[in-house]
Protein backbone atom coordinates (compact mmCIF):
# COMPACT_ATOMS: atom_id res chain seq x y z
CA MET A 1 67.69 102.46 103.67
CA GLN A 2 69.31 102.01 107.22
CA LEU A 3 72.50 103.45 105.56
CA LEU A 4 70.64 106.47 104.07
CA ASP A 5 68.79 106.92 107.20
CA PHE A 6 72.28 107.12 108.98
CA ILE A 7 73.74 109.41 106.63
CA ARG A 8 70.65 111.65 107.03
CA ARG A 9 70.54 111.57 110.62
CA SER A 10 74.48 111.72 111.77
CA ILE A 11 76.25 113.24 108.53
CA ARG A 12 75.29 116.56 108.29
CA THR A 13 77.91 117.86 105.69
CA VAL A 14 80.68 116.78 103.33
CA TRP A 15 83.13 117.90 106.09
CA ALA A 16 81.56 115.88 108.63
CA LEU A 17 81.76 112.81 106.27
CA ARG A 18 85.33 113.42 105.71
CA LEU A 19 86.13 114.09 109.44
CA LEU A 20 84.28 110.80 110.28
CA LEU A 21 86.03 108.65 107.81
CA MET A 22 89.56 109.95 108.45
CA MET A 23 88.98 109.29 112.14
CA ARG A 24 87.50 105.80 111.39
CA ASP A 25 90.59 105.10 109.43
CA SER A 26 92.83 105.55 112.56
CA PRO A 27 90.62 104.45 115.12
CA CYS A 28 93.31 104.21 117.94
CA ARG A 29 94.54 107.70 117.50
CA ILE A 30 93.48 110.51 119.92
CA TRP A 31 92.96 113.79 117.62
CA SER A 32 93.15 117.40 118.94
CA VAL A 33 90.60 119.64 117.44
CA GLY A 34 93.61 121.65 115.97
CA GLU A 35 94.93 118.61 114.43
CA LEU A 36 91.61 117.84 112.85
CA VAL A 37 91.51 121.41 111.54
CA GLY A 38 94.73 121.05 110.08
CA GLU A 39 94.11 117.66 108.33
CA LEU A 40 90.91 118.85 106.85
CA ARG A 41 91.69 122.43 106.09
CA ALA A 42 88.42 123.24 107.85
CA SER A 43 87.49 125.94 110.44
CA GLU A 44 87.27 125.11 114.12
CA ALA A 45 83.82 125.83 114.03
CA VAL A 46 83.09 123.21 111.37
CA VAL A 47 85.11 120.53 113.27
CA SER A 48 83.79 121.24 116.64
CA GLY A 49 80.23 121.24 115.31
CA ALA A 50 80.76 117.95 113.50
CA LEU A 51 82.32 116.50 116.55
CA ILE A 52 79.74 117.46 118.85
CA GLY A 53 77.22 115.92 116.64
CA PHE A 54 79.18 112.57 116.35
CA GLU A 55 79.65 112.58 120.41
CA HIS A 56 76.01 112.77 120.76
CA ASP A 57 75.36 110.23 118.24
CA GLY A 58 77.71 107.74 119.72
CA LEU A 59 80.39 107.90 116.64
CA VAL A 60 83.28 109.61 118.62
CA ALA A 61 84.43 109.68 122.18
CA ARG A 62 86.04 112.67 124.08
CA THR A 63 89.19 111.63 126.11
CA ASP A 64 90.10 113.04 129.46
CA GLY A 65 92.80 115.21 127.81
CA GLY A 66 90.28 116.90 125.56
CA GLY A 67 90.87 115.10 122.44
CA PHE A 68 88.72 112.86 120.35
CA ARG A 69 89.08 109.37 118.77
CA PHE A 70 86.66 107.39 116.72
CA ALA A 71 84.58 105.03 119.09
CA ALA A 72 81.32 103.85 117.48
CA LYS A 73 79.13 102.66 120.25
CA GLY A 74 77.83 99.11 119.33
CA ALA A 75 78.43 96.69 116.42
CA SER A 76 75.44 98.22 114.40
CA LEU A 77 76.99 101.75 114.40
CA ASP A 78 80.39 100.30 113.42
CA GLU A 79 78.86 98.49 110.64
CA LEU A 80 76.95 101.45 109.59
CA CYS A 81 80.47 103.39 109.44
CA ASP A 82 81.89 100.41 107.18
CA ALA A 83 79.19 100.67 105.13
CA LEU A 84 79.50 104.41 104.74
CA ALA A 85 83.19 104.03 103.94
CA GLU A 86 82.53 101.26 101.21
CA ALA A 87 79.68 103.35 99.79
CA TYR A 88 81.85 106.50 99.61
CA ARG A 89 84.65 104.75 97.97
CA GLU A 90 82.20 102.89 95.67
CA ARG A 91 79.96 106.14 94.76
CA PRO A 92 81.21 109.17 96.39
CA VAL A 93 78.83 111.62 94.48
CA ALA A 94 75.93 109.44 95.50
CA VAL A 95 76.93 109.69 99.08
CA ILE A 96 77.71 113.32 98.82
CA ASN A 97 73.95 113.83 97.18
CA ALA A 98 72.65 112.09 100.25
CA ILE A 99 74.10 114.58 102.43
CA THR A 100 73.59 117.69 100.39
CA TRP A 101 69.97 117.15 98.62
CA PRO A 102 66.74 118.17 100.42
CA GLU A 103 64.72 115.65 101.97
CA ASP A 104 62.00 115.33 99.55
CA GLN A 105 64.65 114.09 96.67
CA ILE A 106 66.28 111.62 98.94
CA HIS A 107 63.80 108.88 98.21
CA SER A 108 64.44 109.25 94.44
CA LEU A 109 68.11 109.22 95.24
CA ALA A 110 67.77 106.07 97.22
CA GLU A 111 65.85 104.40 94.52
CA ALA A 112 68.55 105.49 92.01
CA ILE A 113 71.72 104.20 93.72
CA ARG A 114 70.05 101.44 95.64
CA PHE A 115 71.26 102.08 99.31
CA ARG A 116 70.04 98.90 100.98
CA ASP A 117 71.17 96.93 103.96
CA ARG A 118 73.88 94.43 102.91
CA PRO A 119 73.88 90.98 104.08
CA ARG A 120 76.44 90.34 106.62
């Protein structure tokens, strides 16, 4: 349930999911908002809103030059991002449903796809 809680708390849209996973795949890269908008083909408002949320949640860091880079604060957040990437690779529809379904349907979804903590 830890992964599902993370998704519900920090990944508010499918655009945000794609943004976080893209930034995670290039952790040393510093991205401008414009570059992220271009890569995702999303609006600046969508990208900026997701970045604000990620910065607040400790998933990205803003650089002195105004760019952003993936920077999960702490091993547990980094592990959750790894688990999110793996879950999205294995069951993309289930992850998207976890983002988009109403809260009252999430428990049923979790049971159906068995989001659970993985042994490390």
